[in-house]
Amino acid sequence: MSVSHGKMASNHRLGELGRKIIPAAAVVGVAGIGAGAAMGWFDVGGVKEHFFRSYVMAFMVAVSICLGALFFVILQHCVKAGWSAVVRRLAEGLASNLIWLWIAFIPVFVGM
């Protein structure tokens, strides 16, 4: 059973609401990154040390979730489990974020 490409493409569009939300979310995200960088850069009352400790903790949580998902995917492939196809796709999606976590490691490297 095949699905036409046009029908699949329409399922992945957010529509008019998505066109409004995505730029606003990008502005909020960039402002948050800028505010976090400013707090980390200027040491006012020991804020810099607290910022880097909190950032390393959050970074390690994100890395551990992605590595746990990668372990699950590897385990399912090693035992050739057929039952986990749907759940494995979710874990593969989580593990694919490891590609981008090197960008999040830059403040950790700078803070050392």
PDB file of N, CA and C in Angstrom:
ATOM      1  N   MET A   1       0.844  -1.172   0.000  1.00  0.00           N
ATOM      2  CA  MET A   1       0.000   0.000   0.000  1.00  0.00           C
ATOM      3  C   MET A   1       0.885   1.229   0.000  1.00  0.00           C
ATOM      4  N   SER A   2       0.728   2.060  -0.995  1.00  0.00           N
ATOM      5  CA  SER A   2       1.572   3.234  -1.080  1.00  0.00           C
ATOM      6  C   SER A   2       0.774   4.494  -0.778  1.00  0.00           C
ATOM      7  N   VAL A   3       1.461   5.465  -0.249  1.00  0.00           N
ATOM      8  CA  VAL A   3       0.848   6.745   0.074  1.00  0.00           C
ATOM      9  C   VAL A   3       1.461   7.781  -0.836  1.00  0.00           C
ATOM     10  N   SER A   4       0.634   8.614  -1.405  1.00  0.00           N
ATOM     11  CA  SER A   4       1.175   9.629  -2.314  1.00  0.00           C
ATOM     12  C   SER A   4       2.021  10.624  -1.526  1.00  0.00           C
ATOM     13  N   HIS A   5       3.031  11.141  -2.199  1.00  0.00           N
ATOM     14  CA  HIS A   5       3.956  12.061  -1.540  1.00  0.00           C
ATOM     15  C   HIS A   5       3.242  13.329  -1.090  1.00  0.00           C
ATOM     16  N   GLY A   6       2.265  13.778  -1.857  1.00  0.00           N
ATOM     17  CA  GLY A   6       1.533  14.992  -1.491  1.00  0.00           C
ATOM     18  C   GLY A   6       0.774  14.845  -0.191  1.00  0.00           C
ATOM     19  N   LYS A   7       0.190  13.687   0.049  1.00  0.00           N
ATOM     20  CA  LYS A   7      -0.546  13.463   1.281  1.00  0.00           C
ATOM     21  C   LYS A   7       0.394  13.415   2.482  1.00  0.00           C
ATOM     22  N   MET A   8       1.557  12.785   2.333  1.00  0.00           N
ATOM     23  CA  MET A   8       2.520  12.729   3.428  1.00  0.00           C
ATOM     24  C   MET A   8       3.040  14.112   3.754  1.00  0.00           C
ATOM     25  N   ALA A   9       3.302  14.918   2.727  1.00  0.00           N
ATOM     26  CA  ALA A   9       3.841  16.253   2.961  1.00  0.00           C
ATOM     27  C   ALA A   9       2.832  17.121   3.698  1.00  0.00           C
ATOM     28  N   SER A  10       1.535  16.940   3.423  1.00  0.00           N
ATOM     29  CA  SER A  10       0.539  17.780   4.078  1.00  0.00           C
ATOM     30  C   SER A  10       0.384  17.427   5.560  1.00  0.00           C
ATOM     31  N   ASN A  11       0.744  16.226   5.951  1.00  0.00           N
ATOM     32  CA  ASN A  11       0.640  15.833   7.351  1.00  0.00           C
ATOM     33  C   ASN A  11       1.700  16.494   8.221  1.00  0.00           C
ATOM     34  N   HIS A  12       2.755  17.010   7.632  1.00  0.00           N
ATOM     35  CA  HIS A  12       3.863  17.568   8.402  1.00  0.00           C
ATOM     36  C   HIS A  12       3.871  19.091   8.409  1.00  0.00           C
ATOM     37  N   ARG A  13       2.796  19.704   8.008  1.00  0.00           N
ATOM     38  CA  ARG A  13       2.736  21.163   7.984  1.00  0.00           C
ATOM     39  C   ARG A  13       1.918  21.663   9.160  1.00  0.00           C
ATOM     40  N   LEU A  14       2.340  22.777   9.693  1.00  0.00           N
ATOM     41  CA  LEU A  14       1.655  23.337  10.844  1.00  0.00           C
ATOM     42  C   LEU A  14       0.543  24.301  10.455  1.00  0.00           C
ATOM     43  N   GLY A  15       0.557  24.772   9.227  1.00  0.00           N
ATOM     44  CA  GLY A  15      -0.480  25.678   8.781  1.00  0.00           C
ATOM     45  C   GLY A  15      -0.205  27.108   9.210  1.00  0.00           C
ATOM     46  N   GLU A  16      -1.267  27.882   9.232  1.00  0.00           N
ATOM     47  CA  GLU A  16      -1.153  29.315   9.536  1.00  0.00           C
ATOM     48  C   GLU A  16      -0.686  29.558  10.968  1.00  0.00           C
ATOM     49  N   LEU A  17      -1.130  28.744  11.906  1.00  0.00           N
ATOM     50  CA  LEU A  17      -0.713  28.902  13.299  1.00  0.00           C
ATOM     51  C   LEU A  17       0.789  28.682  13.448  1.00  0.00           C
ATOM     52  N   GLY A  18       1.326  27.701  12.718  1.00  0.00           N
ATOM     53  CA  GLY A  18       2.758  27.442  12.776  1.00  0.00           C
ATOM     54  C   GLY A  18       3.587  28.593  12.245  1.00  0.00           C
ATOM     55  N   ARG A  19       3.074  29.255  11.218  1.00  0.00           N
ATOM     56  CA  ARG A  19       3.792  30.415  10.670  1.00  0.00           C
ATOM     57  C   ARG A  19       3.867  31.562  11.660  1.00  0.00           C
ATOM     58  N   LYS A  20       2.923  31.621  12.589  1.00  0.00           N
ATOM     59  CA  LYS A  20       2.931  32.682  13.600  1.00  0.00           C
ATOM     60  C   LYS A  20       3.758  32.294  14.821  1.00  0.00           C
ATOM     61  N   ILE A  21       3.694  31.020  15.199  1.00  0.00           N
ATOM     62  CA  ILE A  21       4.341  30.580  16.441  1.00  0.00           C
ATOM     63  C   ILE A  21       5.848  30.411  16.284  1.00  0.00           C
ATOM     64  N   ILE A  22       6.304  29.881  15.164  1.00  0.00           N
ATOM     65  CA  ILE A  22       7.726  29.579  14.998  1.00  0.00           C
ATOM     66  C   ILE A  22       8.606  30.825  15.111  1.00  0.00           C
ATOM     67  N   PRO A  23       8.303  31.947  14.438  1.00  0.00           N
ATOM     68  CA  PRO A  23       9.160  33.136  14.629  1.00  0.00           C
ATOM     69  C   PRO A  23       9.134  33.657  16.066  1.00  0.00           C
ATOM     70  N   ALA A  24       7.967  33.613  16.708  1.00  0.00           N
ATOM     71  CA  ALA A  24       7.885  34.079  18.097  1.00  0.00           C
ATOM     72  C   ALA A  24       8.711  33.176  19.015  1.00  0.00           C
ATOM     73  N   ALA A  25       8.638  31.874  18.791  1.00  0.00           N
ATOM     74  CA  ALA A  25       9.427  30.944  19.600  1.00  0.00           C
ATOM     75  C   ALA A  25      10.919  31.137  19.365  1.00  0.00           C
ATOM     76  N   ALA A  26      11.296  31.444  18.126  1.00  0.00           N
ATOM     77  CA  ALA A  26      12.711  31.701  17.825  1.00  0.00           C
ATOM     78  C   ALA A  26      13.204  32.943  18.549  1.00  0.00           C
ATOM     79  N   VAL A  27      12.388  33.984  18.589  1.00  0.00           N
ATOM     80  CA  VAL A  27      12.781  35.221  19.283  1.00  0.00           C
ATOM     81  C   VAL A  27      12.929  34.963  20.779  1.00  0.00           C
ATOM     82  N   VAL A  28      11.984  34.231  21.364  1.00  0.00           N
ATOM     83  CA  VAL A  28      12.060  33.912  22.789  1.00  0.00           C
ATOM     84  C   VAL A  28      13.292  33.053  23.080  1.00  0.00           C
ATOM     85  N   GLY A  29      13.576  32.080  22.211  1.00  0.00           N
ATOM     86  CA  GLY A  29      14.745  31.221  22.397  1.00  0.00           C
ATOM     87  C   GLY A  29      16.051  31.987  22.323  1.00  0.00           C
ATOM     88  N   VAL A  30      16.180  32.859  21.323  1.00  0.00           N
ATOM     89  CA  VAL A  30      17.405  33.655  21.177  1.00  0.00           C
ATOM     90  C   VAL A  30      17.553  34.615  22.351  1.00  0.00           C
ATOM     91  N   ALA A  31      16.448  35.200  22.809  1.00  0.00           N
ATOM     92  CA  ALA A  31      16.517  36.097  23.967  1.00  0.00           C
ATOM     93  C   ALA A  31      16.940  35.340  25.219  1.00  0.00           C
ATOM     94  N   GLY A  32      16.433  34.121  25.402  1.00  0.00           N
ATOM     95  CA  GLY A  32      16.825  33.305  26.550  1.00  0.00           C
ATOM     96  C   GLY A  32      18.291  32.917  26.506  1.00  0.00           C
ATOM     97  N   ILE A  33      18.765  32.549  25.321  1.00  0.00           N
ATOM     98  CA  ILE A  33      20.188  32.219  25.170  1.00  0.00           C
ATOM     99  C   ILE A  33      21.046  33.438  25.453  1.00  0.00           C
ATOM    100  N   GLY A  34      20.610  34.584  24.962  1.00  0.00           N
ATOM    101  CA  GLY A  34      21.358  35.828  25.209  1.00  0.00           C
ATOM    102  C   GLY A  34      21.378  36.202  26.681  1.00  0.00           C
ATOM    103  N   ALA A  35      20.239  36.045  27.353  1.00  0.00           N
ATOM    104  CA  ALA A  35      20.181  36.364  28.785  1.00  0.00           C
ATOM    105  C   ALA A  35      21.053  35.398  29.583  1.00  0.00           C
ATOM    106  N   GLY A  36      21.015  34.117  29.221  1.00  0.00           N
ATOM    107  CA  GLY A  36      21.864  33.139  29.909  1.00  0.00           C
ATOM    108  C   GLY A  36      23.333  33.403  29.684  1.00  0.00           C
ATOM    109  N   ALA A  37      23.706  33.769  28.450  1.00  0.00           N
ATOM    110  CA  ALA A  37      25.102  34.088  28.150  1.00  0.00           C
ATOM    111  C   ALA A  37      25.552  35.333  28.897  1.00  0.00           C
ATOM    112  N   ALA A  38      24.661  36.321  28.993  1.00  0.00           N
ATOM    113  CA  ALA A  38      25.018  37.545  29.723  1.00  0.00           C
ATOM    114  C   ALA A  38      25.213  37.257  31.207  1.00  0.00           C
ATOM    115  N   MET A  39      24.343  36.423  31.783  1.00  0.00           N
ATOM    116  CA  MET A  39      24.508  36.079  33.201  1.00  0.00           C
ATOM    117  C   MET A  39      25.778  35.266  33.423  1.00  0.00           C
ATOM    118  N   GLY A  40      26.112  34.430  32.482  1.00  0.00           N
ATOM    119  CA  GLY A  40      27.317  33.618  32.616  1.00  0.00           C
ATOM    120  C   GLY A  40      28.591  34.409  32.383  1.00  0.00           C
ATOM    121  N   TRP A  41      28.508  35.441  31.544  1.00  0.00           N
ATOM    122  CA  TRP A  41      29.703  36.194  31.181  1.00  0.00           C
ATOM    123  C   TRP A  41      30.094  37.179  32.271  1.00  0.00           C
ATOM    124  N   PHE A  42      29.117  37.871  32.844  1.00  0.00           N
ATOM    125  CA  PHE A  42      29.400  38.884  33.854  1.00  0.00           C
ATOM    126  C   PHE A  42      29.244  38.265  35.235  1.00  0.00           C
ATOM    127  N   ASP A  43      30.299  38.339  36.017  1.00  0.00           N
ATOM    128  CA  ASP A  43      30.286  37.746  37.345  1.00  0.00           C
ATOM    129  C   ASP A  43      29.855  38.800  38.355  1.00  0.00           C
ATOM    130  N   VAL A  44      28.573  38.801  38.684  1.00  0.00           N
ATOM    131  CA  VAL A  44      28.031  39.743  39.656  1.00  0.00           C
ATOM    132  C   VAL A  44      27.560  38.946  40.861  1.00  0.00           C
ATOM    133  N   GLY A  45      28.278  38.993  41.920  1.00  0.00           N
ATOM    134  CA  GLY A  45      27.881  38.304  43.152  1.00  0.00           C
ATOM    135  C   GLY A  45      27.914  36.788  43.059  1.00  0.00           C
ATOM    136  N   GLY A  46      28.860  36.236  42.327  1.00  0.00           N
ATOM    137  CA  GLY A  46      28.986  34.790  42.235  1.00  0.00           C
ATOM    138  C   GLY A  46      27.991  34.130  41.298  1.00  0.00           C
ATOM    139  N   VAL A  47      27.342  34.920  40.453  1.00  0.00           N
ATOM    140  CA  VAL A  47      26.347  34.379  39.530  1.00  0.00           C
ATOM    141  C   VAL A  47      27.007  33.496  38.468  1.00  0.00           C
ATOM    142  N   LYS A  48      28.230  33.839  38.094  1.00  0.00           N
ATOM    143  CA  LYS A  48      28.903  33.087  37.026  1.00  0.00           C
ATOM    144  C   LYS A  48      29.114  31.631  37.432  1.00  0.00           C
ATOM    145  N   GLU A  49      29.578  31.401  38.637  1.00  0.00           N
ATOM    146  CA  GLU A  49      29.807  30.031  39.101  1.00  0.00           C
ATOM    147  C   GLU A  49      28.486  29.268  39.197  1.00  0.00           C
ATOM    148  N   HIS A  50      27.467  29.912  39.714  1.00  0.00           N
ATOM    149  CA  HIS A  50      26.151  29.271  39.814  1.00  0.00           C
ATOM    150  C   HIS A  50      25.591  28.958  38.425  1.00  0.00           C
ATOM    151  N   PHE A  51      25.776  29.878  37.491  1.00  0.00           N
ATOM    152  CA  PHE A  51      25.302  29.661  36.122  1.00  0.00           C
ATOM    153  C   PHE A  51      25.963  28.434  35.508  1.00  0.00           C
ATOM    154  N   PHE A  52      27.280  28.327  35.618  1.00  0.00           N
ATOM    155  CA  PHE A  52      27.975  27.209  34.996  1.00  0.00           C
ATOM    156  C   PHE A  52      27.653  25.878  35.674  1.00  0.00           C
ATOM    157  N   ARG A  53      27.474  25.883  36.972  1.00  0.00           N
ATOM    158  CA  ARG A  53      27.088  24.642  37.661  1.00  0.00           C
ATOM    159  C   ARG A  53      25.704  24.186  37.217  1.00  0.00           C
ATOM    160  N   SER A  54      24.780  25.122  37.105  1.00  0.00           N
ATOM    161  CA  SER A  54      23.433  24.784  36.650  1.00  0.00           C
ATOM    162  C   SER A  54      23.450  24.322  35.202  1.00  0.00           C
ATOM    163  N   TYR A  55      24.255  24.962  34.372  1.00  0.00           N
ATOM    164  CA  TYR A  55      24.321  24.603  32.965  1.00  0.00           C
ATOM    165  C   TYR A  55      24.902  23.206  32.780  1.00  0.00           C
ATOM    166  N   VAL A  56      25.951  22.887  33.532  1.00  0.00           N
ATOM    167  CA  VAL A  56      26.549  21.558  33.429  1.00  0.00           C
ATOM    168  C   VAL A  56      25.551  20.493  33.876  1.00  0.00           C
ATOM    169  N   MET A  57      24.780  20.777  34.911  1.00  0.00           N
ATOM    170  CA  MET A  57      23.773  19.821  35.365  1.00  0.00           C
ATOM    171  C   MET A  57      22.725  19.593  34.282  1.00  0.00           C
ATOM    172  N   ALA A  58      22.219  20.657  33.688  1.00  0.00           N
ATOM    173  CA  ALA A  58      21.213  20.531  32.626  1.00  0.00           C
ATOM    174  C   ALA A  58      21.795  19.832  31.406  1.00  0.00           C
ATOM    175  N   PHE A  59      23.039  20.124  31.089  1.00  0.00           N
ATOM    176  CA  PHE A  59      23.698  19.479  29.949  1.00  0.00           C
ATOM    177  C   PHE A  59      23.838  17.981  30.186  1.00  0.00           C
ATOM    178  N   MET A  60      24.218  17.595  31.393  1.00  0.00           N
ATOM    179  CA  MET A  60      24.380  16.175  31.695  1.00  0.00           C
ATOM    180  C   MET A  60      23.040  15.437  31.682  1.00  0.00           C
ATOM    181  N   VAL A  61      21.967  16.092  32.087  1.00  0.00           N
ATOM    182  CA  VAL A  61      20.644  15.472  32.014  1.00  0.00           C
ATOM    183  C   VAL A  61      20.282  15.202  30.560  1.00  0.00           C
ATOM    184  N   ALA A  62      20.498  16.198  29.687  1.00  0.00           N
ATOM    185  CA  ALA A  62      20.179  16.025  28.269  1.00  0.00           C
ATOM    186  C   ALA A  62      21.033  14.929  27.639  1.00  0.00           C
ATOM    187  N   VAL A  63      22.314  14.910  27.958  1.00  0.00           N
ATOM    188  CA  VAL A  63      23.209  13.885  27.403  1.00  0.00           C
ATOM    189  C   VAL A  63      22.823  12.498  27.904  1.00  0.00           C
ATOM    190  N   SER A  64      22.480  12.378  29.181  1.00  0.00           N
ATOM    191  CA  SER A  64      22.136  11.061  29.713  1.00  0.00           C
ATOM    192  C   SER A  64      20.836  10.533  29.114  1.00  0.00           C
ATOM    193  N   ILE A  65      19.868  11.385  28.857  1.00  0.00           N
ATOM    194  CA  ILE A  65      18.632  10.938  28.211  1.00  0.00           C
ATOM    195  C   ILE A  65      18.921  10.459  26.796  1.00  0.00           C
ATOM    196  N   CYS A  66      19.718  11.215  26.052  1.00  0.00           N
ATOM    197  CA  CYS A  66      20.053  10.822  24.679  1.00  0.00           C
ATOM    198  C   CYS A  66      20.888   9.545  24.647  1.00  0.00           C
ATOM    199  N   LEU A  67      21.832   9.408  25.561  1.00  0.00           N
ATOM    200  CA  LEU A  67      22.641   8.186  25.598  1.00  0.00           C
ATOM    201  C   LEU A  67      21.821   6.976  26.049  1.00  0.00           C
ATOM    202  N   GLY A  68      20.878   7.178  26.950  1.00  0.00           N
ATOM    203  CA  GLY A  68      19.995   6.091  27.352  1.00  0.00           C
ATOM    204  C   GLY A  68      19.143   5.609  26.186  1.00  0.00           C
ATOM    205  N   ALA A  69      18.650   6.548  25.389  1.00  0.00           N
ATOM    206  CA  ALA A  69      17.873   6.175  24.202  1.00  0.00           C
ATOM    207  C   ALA A  69      18.752   5.448  23.193  1.00  0.00           C
ATOM    208  N   LEU A  70      19.992   5.899  23.037  1.00  0.00           N
ATOM    209  CA  LEU A  70      20.914   5.224  22.126  1.00  0.00           C
ATOM    210  C   LEU A  70      21.205   3.808  22.604  1.00  0.00           C
ATOM    211  N   PHE A  71      21.378   3.620  23.901  1.00  0.00           N
ATOM    212  CA  PHE A  71      21.602   2.283  24.450  1.00  0.00           C
ATOM    213  C   PHE A  71      20.405   1.378  24.169  1.00  0.00           C
ATOM    214  N   PHE A  72      19.199   1.920  24.326  1.00  0.00           N
ATOM    215  CA  PHE A  72      17.997   1.139  24.049  1.00  0.00           C
ATOM    216  C   PHE A  72      17.953   0.713  22.583  1.00  0.00           C
ATOM    217  N   VAL A  73      18.290   1.616  21.677  1.00  0.00           N
ATOM    218  CA  VAL A  73      18.286   1.289  20.244  1.00  0.00           C
ATOM    219  C   VAL A  73      19.331   0.224  19.943  1.00  0.00           C
ATOM    220  N   ILE A  74      20.522   0.376  20.489  1.00  0.00           N
ATOM    221  CA  ILE A  74      21.584  -0.606  20.259  1.00  0.00           C
ATOM    222  C   ILE A  74      21.174  -1.971  20.801  1.00  0.00           C
ATOM    223  N   LEU A  75      20.591  -1.989  21.996  1.00  0.00           N
ATOM    224  CA  LEU A  75      20.157  -3.244  22.596  1.00  0.00           C
ATOM    225  C   LEU A  75      19.089  -3.927  21.747  1.00  0.00           C
ATOM    226  N   GLN A  76      18.147  -3.163  21.235  1.00  0.00           N
ATOM    227  CA  GLN A  76      17.084  -3.747  20.413  1.00  0.00           C
ATOM    228  C   GLN A  76      17.631  -4.302  19.105  1.00  0.00           C
ATOM    229  N   HIS A  77      18.634  -3.647  18.546  1.00  0.00           N
ATOM    230  CA  HIS A  77      19.250  -4.167  17.332  1.00  0.00           C
ATOM    231  C   HIS A  77      20.090  -5.412  17.621  1.00  0.00           C
ATOM    232  N   CYS A  78      20.765  -5.444  18.750  1.00  0.00           N
ATOM    233  CA  CYS A  78      21.611  -6.599  19.080  1.00  0.00           C
ATOM    234  C   CYS A  78      20.800  -7.873  19.283  1.00  0.00           C
ATOM    235  N   VAL A  79      19.640  -7.753  19.924  1.00  0.00           N
ATOM    236  CA  VAL A  79      18.831  -8.942  20.178  1.00  0.00           C
ATOM    237  C   VAL A  79      17.811  -9.195  19.068  1.00  0.00           C
ATOM    238  N   LYS A  80      17.846  -8.341  18.027  1.00  0.00           N
ATOM    239  CA  LYS A  80      16.936  -8.468  16.877  1.00  0.00           C
ATOM    240  C   LYS A  80      15.473  -8.540  17.322  1.00  0.00           C
ATOM    241  N   ALA A  81      15.101  -7.628  18.202  1.00  0.00           N
ATOM    242  CA  ALA A  81      13.731  -7.598  18.716  1.00  0.00           C
ATOM    243  C   ALA A  81      12.802  -7.002  17.666  1.00  0.00           C
ATOM    244  N   GLY A  82      11.774  -7.731  17.329  1.00  0.00           N
ATOM    245  CA  GLY A  82      10.812  -7.250  16.349  1.00  0.00           C
ATOM    246  C   GLY A  82       9.655  -6.506  16.984  1.00  0.00           C
ATOM    247  N   TRP A  83       9.427  -6.723  18.268  1.00  0.00           N
ATOM    248  CA  TRP A  83       8.285  -6.119  18.944  1.00  0.00           C
ATOM    249  C   TRP A  83       8.468  -4.620  19.180  1.00  0.00           C
ATOM    250  N   SER A  84       9.706  -4.139  19.163  1.00  0.00           N
ATOM    251  CA  SER A  84       9.966  -2.771  19.616  1.00  0.00           C
ATOM    252  C   SER A  84      10.069  -1.762  18.480  1.00  0.00           C
ATOM    253  N   ALA A  85       9.491  -2.046  17.334  1.00  0.00           N
ATOM    254  CA  ALA A  85       9.649  -1.147  16.189  1.00  0.00           C
ATOM    255  C   ALA A  85       9.104   0.248  16.474  1.00  0.00           C
ATOM    256  N   VAL A  86       7.931   0.343  17.061  1.00  0.00           N
ATOM    257  CA  VAL A  86       7.324   1.653  17.314  1.00  0.00           C
ATOM    258  C   VAL A  86       8.079   2.397  18.411  1.00  0.00           C
ATOM    259  N   VAL A  87       8.378   1.714  19.486  1.00  0.00           N
ATOM    260  CA  VAL A  87       9.092   2.349  20.595  1.00  0.00           C
ATOM    261  C   VAL A  87      10.520   2.691  20.188  1.00  0.00           C
ATOM    262  N   ARG A  88      11.125   1.853  19.367  1.00  0.00           N
ATOM    263  CA  ARG A  88      12.489   2.102  18.915  1.00  0.00           C
ATOM    264  C   ARG A  88      12.571   3.379  18.092  1.00  0.00           C
ATOM    265  N   ARG A  89      11.537   3.702  17.327  1.00  0.00           N
ATOM    266  CA  ARG A  89      11.539   4.938  16.535  1.00  0.00           C
ATOM    267  C   ARG A  89      11.604   6.166  17.440  1.00  0.00           C
ATOM    268  N   LEU A  90      10.903   6.120  18.544  1.00  0.00           N
ATOM    269  CA  LEU A  90      10.973   7.234  19.499  1.00  0.00           C
ATOM    270  C   LEU A  90      12.374   7.356  20.090  1.00  0.00           C
ATOM    271  N   ALA A  91      12.959   6.220  20.442  1.00  0.00           N
ATOM    272  CA  ALA A  91      14.311   6.234  21.006  1.00  0.00           C
ATOM    273  C   ALA A  91      15.327   6.704  19.967  1.00  0.00           C
ATOM    274  N   GLU A  92      15.141   6.324  18.712  1.00  0.00           N
ATOM    275  CA  GLU A  92      16.038   6.803  17.656  1.00  0.00           C
ATOM    276  C   GLU A  92      15.931   8.312  17.498  1.00  0.00           C
ATOM    277  N   GLY A  93      14.723   8.830  17.628  1.00  0.00           N
ATOM    278  CA  GLY A  93      14.546  10.284  17.562  1.00  0.00           C
ATOM    279  C   GLY A  93      15.251  11.004  18.702  1.00  0.00           C
ATOM    280  N   LEU A  94      15.170  10.447  19.902  1.00  0.00           N
ATOM    281  CA  LEU A  94      15.873  11.038  21.043  1.00  0.00           C
ATOM    282  C   LEU A  94      17.386  10.941  20.868  1.00  0.00           C
ATOM    283  N   ALA A  95      17.858   9.785  20.413  1.00  0.00           N
ATOM    284  CA  ALA A  95      19.298   9.586  20.249  1.00  0.00           C
ATOM    285  C   ALA A  95      19.859  10.473  19.143  1.00  0.00           C
ATOM    286  N   SER A  96      19.028  10.845  18.173  1.00  0.00           N
ATOM    287  CA  SER A  96      19.521  11.694  17.083  1.00  0.00           C
ATOM    288  C   SER A  96      19.886  13.096  17.564  1.00  0.00           C
ATOM    289  N   ASN A  97      19.439  13.479  18.743  1.00  0.00           N
ATOM    290  CA  ASN A  97      19.809  14.788  19.286  1.00  0.00           C
ATOM    291  C   ASN A  97      21.263  14.857  19.737  1.00  0.00           C
ATOM    292  N   LEU A  98      21.939  13.720  19.821  1.00  0.00           N
ATOM    293  CA  LEU A  98      23.361  13.728  20.176  1.00  0.00           C
ATOM    294  C   LEU A  98      24.184  14.486  19.155  1.00  0.00           C
ATOM    295  N   ILE A  99      23.700  14.549  17.927  1.00  0.00           N
ATOM    296  CA  ILE A  99      24.412  15.295  16.877  1.00  0.00           C
ATOM    297  C   ILE A  99      24.537  16.766  17.252  1.00  0.00           C
ATOM    298  N   TRP A 100      23.498  17.296  17.886  1.00  0.00           N
ATOM    299  CA  TRP A 100      23.478  18.734  18.180  1.00  0.00           C
ATOM    300  C   TRP A 100      23.999  19.086  19.565  1.00  0.00           C
ATOM    301  N   LEU A 101      24.230  18.113  20.413  1.00  0.00           N
ATOM    302  CA  LEU A 101      24.669  18.420  21.771  1.00  0.00           C
ATOM    303  C   LEU A 101      26.108  18.918  21.837  1.00  0.00           C
ATOM    304  N   TRP A 102      26.876  18.747  20.775  1.00  0.00           N
ATOM    305  CA  TRP A 102      28.225  19.321  20.789  1.00  0.00           C
ATOM    306  C   TRP A 102      28.151  20.842  20.829  1.00  0.00           C
ATOM    307  N   ILE A 103      27.096  21.426  20.281  1.00  0.00           N
ATOM    308  CA  ILE A 103      26.925  22.882  20.350  1.00  0.00           C
ATOM    309  C   ILE A 103      26.654  23.296  21.790  1.00  0.00           C
ATOM    310  N   ALA A 104      25.863  22.493  22.502  1.00  0.00           N
ATOM    311  CA  ALA A 104      25.580  22.803  23.903  1.00  0.00           C
ATOM    312  C   ALA A 104      26.800  22.583  24.786  1.00  0.00           C
ATOM    313  N   PHE A 105      27.806  21.847  24.302  1.00  0.00           N
ATOM    314  CA  PHE A 105      29.009  21.629  25.091  1.00  0.00           C
ATOM    315  C   PHE A 105      29.946  22.840  25.067  1.00  0.00           C
ATOM    316  N   ILE A 106      29.789  23.729  24.125  1.00  0.00           N
ATOM    317  CA  ILE A 106      30.682  24.889  24.013  1.00  0.00           C
ATOM    318  C   ILE A 106      30.732  25.717  25.290  1.00  0.00           C
ATOM    319  N   PRO A 107      29.591  26.085  25.922  1.00  0.00           N
ATOM    320  CA  PRO A 107      29.701  26.826  27.201  1.00  0.00           C
ATOM    321  C   PRO A 107      30.395  26.025  28.297  1.00  0.00           C
ATOM    322  N   VAL A 108      30.235  24.712  28.295  1.00  0.00           N
ATOM    323  CA  VAL A 108      30.941  23.890  29.292  1.00  0.00           C
ATOM    324  C   VAL A 108      32.444  23.987  29.073  1.00  0.00           C
ATOM    325  N   PHE A 109      32.856  23.912  27.823  1.00  0.00           N
ATOM    326  CA  PHE A 109      34.276  24.009  27.499  1.00  0.00           C
ATOM    327  C   PHE A 109      34.825  25.390  27.839  1.00  0.00           C
ATOM    328  N   VAL A 110      34.060  26.428  27.543  1.00  0.00           N
ATOM    329  CA  VAL A 110      34.501  27.805  27.851  1.00  0.00           C
ATOM    330  C   VAL A 110      34.562  28.018  29.355  1.00  0.00           C
ATOM    331  N   GLY A 111      33.607  27.431  30.091  1.00  0.00           N
ATOM    332  CA  GLY A 111      33.561  27.602  31.543  1.00  0.00           C
ATOM    333  C   GLY A 111      34.660  26.879  32.286  1.00  0.00           C
ATOM    334  N   MET A 112      35.316  25.882  31.629  1.00  0.00           N
ATOM    335  CA  MET A 112      36.395  25.170  32.299  1.00  0.00           C
ATOM    336  C   MET A 112      37.573  26.099  32.439  1.00  0.00           C
TER     337      MET A 112
END
